[in-house]
Amino acid sequence: MNALATCPECGGISKWNPPFYVCSVCGLALRRQEYERMVDKQKEALWEAQEEQNEGTDKKRKRNREYLDWYLGSKK
């Protein structure tokens, strides 16, 4: 049985061809541990990027809320 996976380099289809995952698009060949390590690094980088984006969004919402509170408070 050949397991299919996504290539961590180009996003193409990688087939499990023991003892390697081989990408049918770019030809990258990785052992299972190397493949899993690369995928884990990509997931971690994506998670960190999302964290940074969420922090920026939270700061913007806080600033907007503070402005709204100030604006509504000045009308009294």
PDB file of N, CA and C in Angstrom:
ATOM      1  N   MET A   1       0.840  -1.188   0.000  1.00  0.00           N
ATOM      2  CA  MET A   1       0.000   0.000   0.000  1.00  0.00           C
ATOM      3  C   MET A   1       0.877   1.240   0.000  1.00  0.00           C
ATOM      4  N   ASN A   2       0.619   2.172  -0.880  1.00  0.00           N
ATOM      5  CA  ASN A   2       1.349   3.429  -0.954  1.00  0.00           C
ATOM      6  C   ASN A   2       0.527   4.525  -0.304  1.00  0.00           C
ATOM      7  N   ALA A   3       1.059   5.094   0.777  1.00  0.00           N
ATOM      8  CA  ALA A   3       0.378   6.187   1.455  1.00  0.00           C
ATOM      9  C   ALA A   3       0.688   7.494   0.726  1.00  0.00           C
ATOM     10  N   LEU A   4      -0.300   8.350   0.583  1.00  0.00           N
ATOM     11  CA  LEU A   4      -0.111   9.648  -0.064  1.00  0.00           C
ATOM     12  C   LEU A   4       0.001  10.728   0.993  1.00  0.00           C
ATOM     13  N   ALA A   5       0.877  11.675   0.728  1.00  0.00           N
ATOM     14  CA  ALA A   5       1.068  12.805   1.632  1.00  0.00           C
ATOM     15  C   ALA A   5       1.373  14.043   0.788  1.00  0.00           C
ATOM     16  N   THR A   6       1.410  15.185   1.433  1.00  0.00           N
ATOM     17  CA  THR A   6       1.723  16.434   0.754  1.00  0.00           C
ATOM     18  C   THR A   6       3.208  16.723   0.904  1.00  0.00           C
ATOM     19  N   CYS A   7       3.833  17.142  -0.177  1.00  0.00           N
ATOM     20  CA  CYS A   7       5.254  17.487  -0.154  1.00  0.00           C
ATOM     21  C   CYS A   7       5.447  18.764   0.662  1.00  0.00           C
ATOM     22  N   PRO A   8       6.371  18.770   1.635  1.00  0.00           N
ATOM     23  CA  PRO A   8       6.597  19.976   2.428  1.00  0.00           C
ATOM     24  C   PRO A   8       7.292  21.095   1.645  1.00  0.00           C
ATOM     25  N   GLU A   9       7.901  20.790   0.519  1.00  0.00           N
ATOM     26  CA  GLU A   9       8.591  21.801  -0.282  1.00  0.00           C
ATOM     27  C   GLU A   9       7.665  22.494  -1.275  1.00  0.00           C
ATOM     28  N   CYS A  10       6.971  21.708  -2.099  1.00  0.00           N
ATOM     29  CA  CYS A  10       6.209  22.302  -3.198  1.00  0.00           C
ATOM     30  C   CYS A  10       4.697  22.112  -3.069  1.00  0.00           C
ATOM     31  N   GLY A  11       4.256  21.271  -2.131  1.00  0.00           N
ATOM     32  CA  GLY A  11       2.821  21.041  -1.964  1.00  0.00           C
ATOM     33  C   GLY A  11       2.274  19.965  -2.882  1.00  0.00           C
ATOM     34  N   GLY A  12       3.143  19.328  -3.662  1.00  0.00           N
ATOM     35  CA  GLY A  12       2.710  18.250  -4.553  1.00  0.00           C
ATOM     36  C   GLY A  12       2.402  16.972  -3.782  1.00  0.00           C
ATOM     37  N   ILE A  13       2.092  15.931  -4.506  1.00  0.00           N
ATOM     38  CA  ILE A  13       1.756  14.650  -3.875  1.00  0.00           C
ATOM     39  C   ILE A  13       3.026  13.844  -3.669  1.00  0.00           C
ATOM     40  N   SER A  14       3.231  13.400  -2.425  1.00  0.00           N
ATOM     41  CA  SER A  14       4.358  12.534  -2.086  1.00  0.00           C
ATOM     42  C   SER A  14       3.813  11.142  -1.806  1.00  0.00           C
ATOM     43  N   LYS A  15       4.461  10.152  -2.378  1.00  0.00           N
ATOM     44  CA  LYS A  15       4.059   8.764  -2.145  1.00  0.00           C
ATOM     45  C   LYS A  15       5.064   8.104  -1.229  1.00  0.00           C
ATOM     46  N   TRP A  16       4.560   7.239  -0.374  1.00  0.00           N
ATOM     47  CA  TRP A  16       5.425   6.467   0.503  1.00  0.00           C
ATOM     48  C   TRP A  16       5.966   5.310  -0.317  1.00  0.00           C
ATOM     49  N   ASN A  17       7.257   5.379  -0.576  1.00  0.00           N
ATOM     50  CA  ASN A  17       7.948   4.352  -1.334  1.00  0.00           C
ATOM     51  C   ASN A  17       9.114   3.909  -0.454  1.00  0.00           C
ATOM     52  N   PRO A  18       8.869   2.918   0.433  1.00  0.00           N
ATOM     53  CA  PRO A  18       9.830   2.599   1.498  1.00  0.00           C
ATOM     54  C   PRO A  18      11.269   2.597   1.025  1.00  0.00           C
ATOM     55  N   PRO A  19      12.140   3.227   1.763  1.00  0.00           N
ATOM     56  CA  PRO A  19      11.998   3.931   3.039  1.00  0.00           C
ATOM     57  C   PRO A  19      11.825   5.440   2.888  1.00  0.00           C
ATOM     58  N   PHE A  20      11.344   5.915   1.748  1.00  0.00           N
ATOM     59  CA  PHE A  20      11.249   7.354   1.504  1.00  0.00           C
ATOM     60  C   PHE A  20       9.841   7.791   1.129  1.00  0.00           C
ATOM     61  N   TYR A  21       9.543   9.065   1.427  1.00  0.00           N
ATOM     62  CA  TYR A  21       8.428   9.765   0.807  1.00  0.00           C
ATOM     63  C   TYR A  21       9.028  10.453  -0.413  1.00  0.00           C
ATOM     64  N   VAL A  22       8.485  10.202  -1.585  1.00  0.00           N
ATOM     65  CA  VAL A  22       9.019  10.779  -2.812  1.00  0.00           C
ATOM     66  C   VAL A  22       7.938  11.637  -3.458  1.00  0.00           C
ATOM     67  N   CYS A  23       8.279  12.903  -3.708  1.00  0.00           N
ATOM     68  CA  CYS A  23       7.338  13.837  -4.326  1.00  0.00           C
ATOM     69  C   CYS A  23       7.299  13.589  -5.829  1.00  0.00           C
ATOM     70  N   SER A  24       6.096  13.491  -6.359  1.00  0.00           N
ATOM     71  CA  SER A  24       5.938  13.257  -7.796  1.00  0.00           C
ATOM     72  C   SER A  24       6.142  14.535  -8.614  1.00  0.00           C
ATOM     73  N   VAL A  25       6.144  15.711  -7.956  1.00  0.00           N
ATOM     74  CA  VAL A  25       6.307  16.978  -8.663  1.00  0.00           C
ATOM     75  C   VAL A  25       7.772  17.431  -8.670  1.00  0.00           C
ATOM     76  N   CYS A  26       8.364  17.583  -7.481  1.00  0.00           N
ATOM     77  CA  CYS A  26       9.727  18.125  -7.411  1.00  0.00           C
ATOM     78  C   CYS A  26      10.795  17.052  -7.211  1.00  0.00           C
ATOM     79  N   GLY A  27      10.385  15.826  -6.889  1.00  0.00           N
ATOM     80  CA  GLY A  27      11.337  14.736  -6.738  1.00  0.00           C
ATOM     81  C   GLY A  27      12.003  14.660  -5.377  1.00  0.00           C
ATOM     82  N   LEU A  28      11.581  15.467  -4.433  1.00  0.00           N
ATOM     83  CA  LEU A  28      12.158  15.449  -3.098  1.00  0.00           C
ATOM     84  C   LEU A  28      11.921  14.088  -2.463  1.00  0.00           C
ATOM     85  N   ALA A  29      12.973  13.507  -1.903  1.00  0.00           N
ATOM     86  CA  ALA A  29      12.871  12.214  -1.232  1.00  0.00           C
ATOM     87  C   ALA A  29      13.305  12.389   0.220  1.00  0.00           C
ATOM     88  N   LEU A  30      12.420  12.050   1.140  1.00  0.00           N
ATOM     89  CA  LEU A  30      12.702  12.202   2.565  1.00  0.00           C
ATOM     90  C   LEU A  30      12.368  10.911   3.302  1.00  0.00           C
ATOM     91  N   ARG A  31      13.206  10.576   4.256  1.00  0.00           N
ATOM     92  CA  ARG A  31      12.867   9.460   5.139  1.00  0.00           C
ATOM     93  C   ARG A  31      11.706   9.897   6.023  1.00  0.00           C
ATOM     94  N   ARG A  32      11.057   8.937   6.631  1.00  0.00           N
ATOM     95  CA  ARG A  32       9.842   9.228   7.401  1.00  0.00           C
ATOM     96  C   ARG A  32      10.101  10.266   8.493  1.00  0.00           C
ATOM     97  N   GLN A  33      11.178  10.105   9.241  1.00  0.00           N
ATOM     98  CA  GLN A  33      11.464  11.063  10.325  1.00  0.00           C
ATOM     99  C   GLN A  33      11.730  12.455   9.772  1.00  0.00           C
ATOM    100  N   GLU A  34      12.474  12.537   8.680  1.00  0.00           N
ATOM    101  CA  GLU A  34      12.759  13.842   8.076  1.00  0.00           C
ATOM    102  C   GLU A  34      11.469  14.498   7.603  1.00  0.00           C
ATOM    103  N   TYR A  35      10.613  13.702   6.982  1.00  0.00           N
ATOM    104  CA  TYR A  35       9.333  14.214   6.492  1.00  0.00           C
ATOM    105  C   TYR A  35       8.495  14.756   7.654  1.00  0.00           C
ATOM    106  N   GLU A  36       8.380  13.954   8.705  1.00  0.00           N
ATOM    107  CA  GLU A  36       7.578  14.369   9.861  1.00  0.00           C
ATOM    108  C   GLU A  36       8.165  15.614  10.518  1.00  0.00           C
ATOM    109  N   ARG A  37       9.490  15.716  10.580  1.00  0.00           N
ATOM    110  CA  ARG A  37      10.141  16.883  11.172  1.00  0.00           C
ATOM    111  C   ARG A  37       9.834  18.138  10.358  1.00  0.00           C
ATOM    112  N   MET A  38       9.906  18.031   9.032  1.00  0.00           N
ATOM    113  CA  MET A  38       9.617  19.188   8.171  1.00  0.00           C
ATOM    114  C   MET A  38       8.155  19.620   8.293  1.00  0.00           C
ATOM    115  N   VAL A  39       7.257  18.652   8.335  1.00  0.00           N
ATOM    116  CA  VAL A  39       5.835  18.967   8.464  1.00  0.00           C
ATOM    117  C   VAL A  39       5.570  19.630   9.813  1.00  0.00           C
ATOM    118  N   ASP A  40       6.199  19.126  10.871  1.00  0.00           N
ATOM    119  CA  ASP A  40       6.027  19.729  12.198  1.00  0.00           C
ATOM    120  C   ASP A  40       6.548  21.163  12.227  1.00  0.00           C
ATOM    121  N   LYS A  41       7.685  21.430  11.568  1.00  0.00           N
ATOM    122  CA  LYS A  41       8.224  22.788  11.514  1.00  0.00           C
ATOM    123  C   LYS A  41       7.271  23.719  10.774  1.00  0.00           C
ATOM    124  N   GLN A  42       6.680  23.221   9.689  1.00  0.00           N
ATOM    125  CA  GLN A  42       5.729  24.038   8.935  1.00  0.00           C
ATOM    126  C   GLN A  42       4.496  24.347   9.769  1.00  0.00           C
ATOM    127  N   LYS A  43       4.002  23.364  10.490  1.00  0.00           N
ATOM    128  CA  LYS A  43       2.824  23.578  11.340  1.00  0.00           C
ATOM    129  C   LYS A  43       3.135  24.592  12.430  1.00  0.00           C
ATOM    130  N   GLU A  44       4.327  24.490  13.025  1.00  0.00           N
ATOM    131  CA  GLU A  44       4.723  25.422  14.074  1.00  0.00           C
ATOM    132  C   GLU A  44       4.848  26.843  13.527  1.00  0.00           C
ATOM    133  N   ALA A  45       5.446  26.982  12.347  1.00  0.00           N
ATOM    134  CA  ALA A  45       5.587  28.309  11.733  1.00  0.00           C
ATOM    135  C   ALA A  45       4.221  28.898  11.411  1.00  0.00           C
ATOM    136  N   LEU A  46       3.313  28.082  10.917  1.00  0.00           N
ATOM    137  CA  LEU A  46       1.964  28.550  10.614  1.00  0.00           C
ATOM    138  C   LEU A  46       1.250  28.983  11.885  1.00  0.00           C
ATOM    139  N   TRP A  47       1.391  28.207  12.952  1.00  0.00           N
ATOM    140  CA  TRP A  47       0.754  28.530  14.225  1.00  0.00           C
ATOM    141  C   TRP A  47       1.290  29.854  14.764  1.00  0.00           C
ATOM    142  N   GLU A  48       2.617  30.055  14.675  1.00  0.00           N
ATOM    143  CA  GLU A  48       3.211  31.300  15.161  1.00  0.00           C
ATOM    144  C   GLU A  48       2.737  32.490  14.340  1.00  0.00           C
ATOM    145  N   ALA A  49       2.622  32.318  13.032  1.00  0.00           N
ATOM    146  CA  ALA A  49       2.139  33.405  12.175  1.00  0.00           C
ATOM    147  C   ALA A  49       0.701  33.765  12.519  1.00  0.00           C
ATOM    148  N   GLN A  50      -0.119  32.761  12.792  1.00  0.00           N
ATOM    149  CA  GLN A  50      -1.506  33.016  13.170  1.00  0.00           C
ATOM    150  C   GLN A  50      -1.578  33.707  14.523  1.00  0.00           C
ATOM    151  N   GLU A  51      -0.693  33.315  15.440  1.00  0.00           N
ATOM    152  CA  GLU A  51      -0.639  33.967  16.760  1.00  0.00           C
ATOM    153  C   GLU A  51      -0.329  35.451  16.602  1.00  0.00           C
ATOM    154  N   GLU A  52       0.676  35.774  15.768  1.00  0.00           N
ATOM    155  CA  GLU A  52       1.051  37.166  15.552  1.00  0.00           C
ATOM    156  C   GLU A  52      -0.088  37.952  14.917  1.00  0.00           C
ATOM    157  N   GLN A  53      -0.778  37.326  13.974  1.00  0.00           N
ATOM    158  CA  GLN A  53      -1.902  37.992  13.318  1.00  0.00           C
ATOM    159  C   GLN A  53      -3.021  38.242  14.323  1.00  0.00           C
ATOM    160  N   ASN A  54      -3.290  37.264  15.183  1.00  0.00           N
ATOM    161  CA  ASN A  54      -4.339  37.429  16.190  1.00  0.00           C
ATOM    162  C   ASN A  54      -3.981  38.516  17.192  1.00  0.00           C
ATOM    163  N   GLU A  55      -2.698  38.614  17.562  1.00  0.00           N
ATOM    164  CA  GLU A  55      -2.273  39.666  18.487  1.00  0.00           C
ATOM    165  C   GLU A  55      -2.492  41.039  17.867  1.00  0.00           C
ATOM    166  N   GLY A  56      -2.169  41.168  16.582  1.00  0.00           N
ATOM    167  CA  GLY A  56      -2.373  42.439  15.892  1.00  0.00           C
ATOM    168  C   GLY A  56      -3.845  42.792  15.819  1.00  0.00           C
ATOM    169  N   THR A  57      -4.694  41.818  15.556  1.00  0.00           N
ATOM    170  CA  THR A  57      -6.133  42.036  15.488  1.00  0.00           C
ATOM    171  C   THR A  57      -6.670  42.422  16.864  1.00  0.00           C
ATOM    172  N   ASP A  58      -6.181  41.760  17.916  1.00  0.00           N
ATOM    173  CA  ASP A  58      -6.627  42.072  19.271  1.00  0.00           C
ATOM    174  C   ASP A  58      -6.241  43.497  19.664  1.00  0.00           C
ATOM    175  N   LYS A  59      -5.030  43.920  19.281  1.00  0.00           N
ATOM    176  CA  LYS A  59      -4.596  45.282  19.597  1.00  0.00           C
ATOM    177  C   LYS A  59      -5.473  46.300  18.876  1.00  0.00           C
ATOM    178  N   LYS A  60      -5.805  46.021  17.635  1.00  0.00           N
ATOM    179  CA  LYS A  60      -6.647  46.935  16.861  1.00  0.00           C
ATOM    180  C   LYS A  60      -8.042  47.018  17.475  1.00  0.00           C
ATOM    181  N   ARG A  61      -8.596  45.876  17.857  1.00  0.00           N
ATOM    182  CA  ARG A  61      -9.925  45.890  18.491  1.00  0.00           C
ATOM    183  C   ARG A  61      -9.905  46.662  19.808  1.00  0.00           C
ATOM    184  N   LYS A  62      -8.841  46.475  20.593  1.00  0.00           N
ATOM    185  CA  LYS A  62      -8.732  47.179  21.864  1.00  0.00           C
ATOM    186  C   LYS A  62      -8.653  48.686  21.631  1.00  0.00           C
ATOM    187  N   ARG A  63      -7.836  49.094  20.655  1.00  0.00           N
ATOM    188  CA  ARG A  63      -7.703  50.512  20.333  1.00  0.00           C
ATOM    189  C   ARG A  63      -9.033  51.096  19.864  1.00  0.00           C
ATOM    190  N   ASN A  64      -9.748  50.347  19.008  1.00  0.00           N
ATOM    191  CA  ASN A  64     -11.059  50.806  18.533  1.00  0.00           C
ATOM    192  C   ASN A  64     -12.052  50.910  19.679  1.00  0.00           C
ATOM    193  N   ARG A  65     -12.012  49.957  20.597  1.00  0.00           N
ATOM    194  CA  ARG A  65     -12.934  49.972  21.744  1.00  0.00           C
ATOM    195  C   ARG A  65     -12.626  51.154  22.656  1.00  0.00           C
ATOM    196  N   GLU A  66     -11.338  51.423  22.861  1.00  0.00           N
ATOM    197  CA  GLU A  66     -10.955  52.569  23.695  1.00  0.00           C
ATOM    198  C   GLU A  66     -11.418  53.877  23.061  1.00  0.00           C
ATOM    199  N   TYR A  67     -11.278  53.976  21.747  1.00  0.00           N
ATOM    200  CA  TYR A  67     -11.734  55.173  21.054  1.00  0.00           C
ATOM    201  C   TYR A  67     -13.241  55.317  21.180  1.00  0.00           C
ATOM    202  N   LEU A  68     -13.962  54.236  20.996  1.00  0.00           N
ATOM    203  CA  LEU A  68     -15.419  54.277  21.104  1.00  0.00           C
ATOM    204  C   LEU A  68     -15.840  54.689  22.512  1.00  0.00           C
ATOM    205  N   ASP A  69     -15.185  54.114  23.527  1.00  0.00           N
ATOM    206  CA  ASP A  69     -15.496  54.501  24.907  1.00  0.00           C
ATOM    207  C   ASP A  69     -15.222  55.984  25.125  1.00  0.00           C
ATOM    208  N   TRP A  70     -14.088  56.486  24.605  1.00  0.00           N
ATOM    209  CA  TRP A  70     -13.765  57.897  24.746  1.00  0.00           C
ATOM    210  C   TRP A  70     -14.802  58.755  24.032  1.00  0.00           C
ATOM    211  N   TYR A  71     -15.180  58.379  22.819  1.00  0.00           N
ATOM    212  CA  TYR A  71     -16.111  59.149  22.020  1.00  0.00           C
ATOM    213  C   TYR A  71     -17.486  59.200  22.691  1.00  0.00           C
ATOM    214  N   LEU A  72     -17.942  58.053  23.140  1.00  0.00           N
ATOM    215  CA  LEU A  72     -19.256  58.023  23.794  1.00  0.00           C
ATOM    216  C   LEU A  72     -19.223  58.725  25.142  1.00  0.00           C
ATOM    217  N   GLY A  73     -18.085  58.686  25.828  1.00  0.00           N
ATOM    218  CA  GLY A  73     -17.955  59.354  27.109  1.00  0.00           C
ATOM    219  C   GLY A  73     -17.920  60.874  26.981  1.00  0.00           C
ATOM    220  N   SER A  74     -17.417  61.367  25.857  1.00  0.00           N
ATOM    221  CA  SER A  74     -17.296  62.806  25.683  1.00  0.00           C
ATOM    222  C   SER A  74     -18.645  63.457  25.348  1.00  0.00           C
ATOM    223  N   LYS A  75     -19.672  62.681  25.050  1.00  0.00           N
ATOM    224  CA  LYS A  75     -20.973  63.199  24.687  1.00  0.00           C
ATOM    225  C   LYS A  75     -21.841  63.511  25.892  1.00  0.00           C
ATOM    226  N   LYS A  76     -21.387  63.099  27.055  1.00  0.00           N
ATOM    227  CA  LYS A  76     -22.215  63.294  28.267  1.00  0.00           C
ATOM    228  C   LYS A  76     -22.151  64.683  28.780  1.00  0.00           C
TER     229      LYS A  76
END
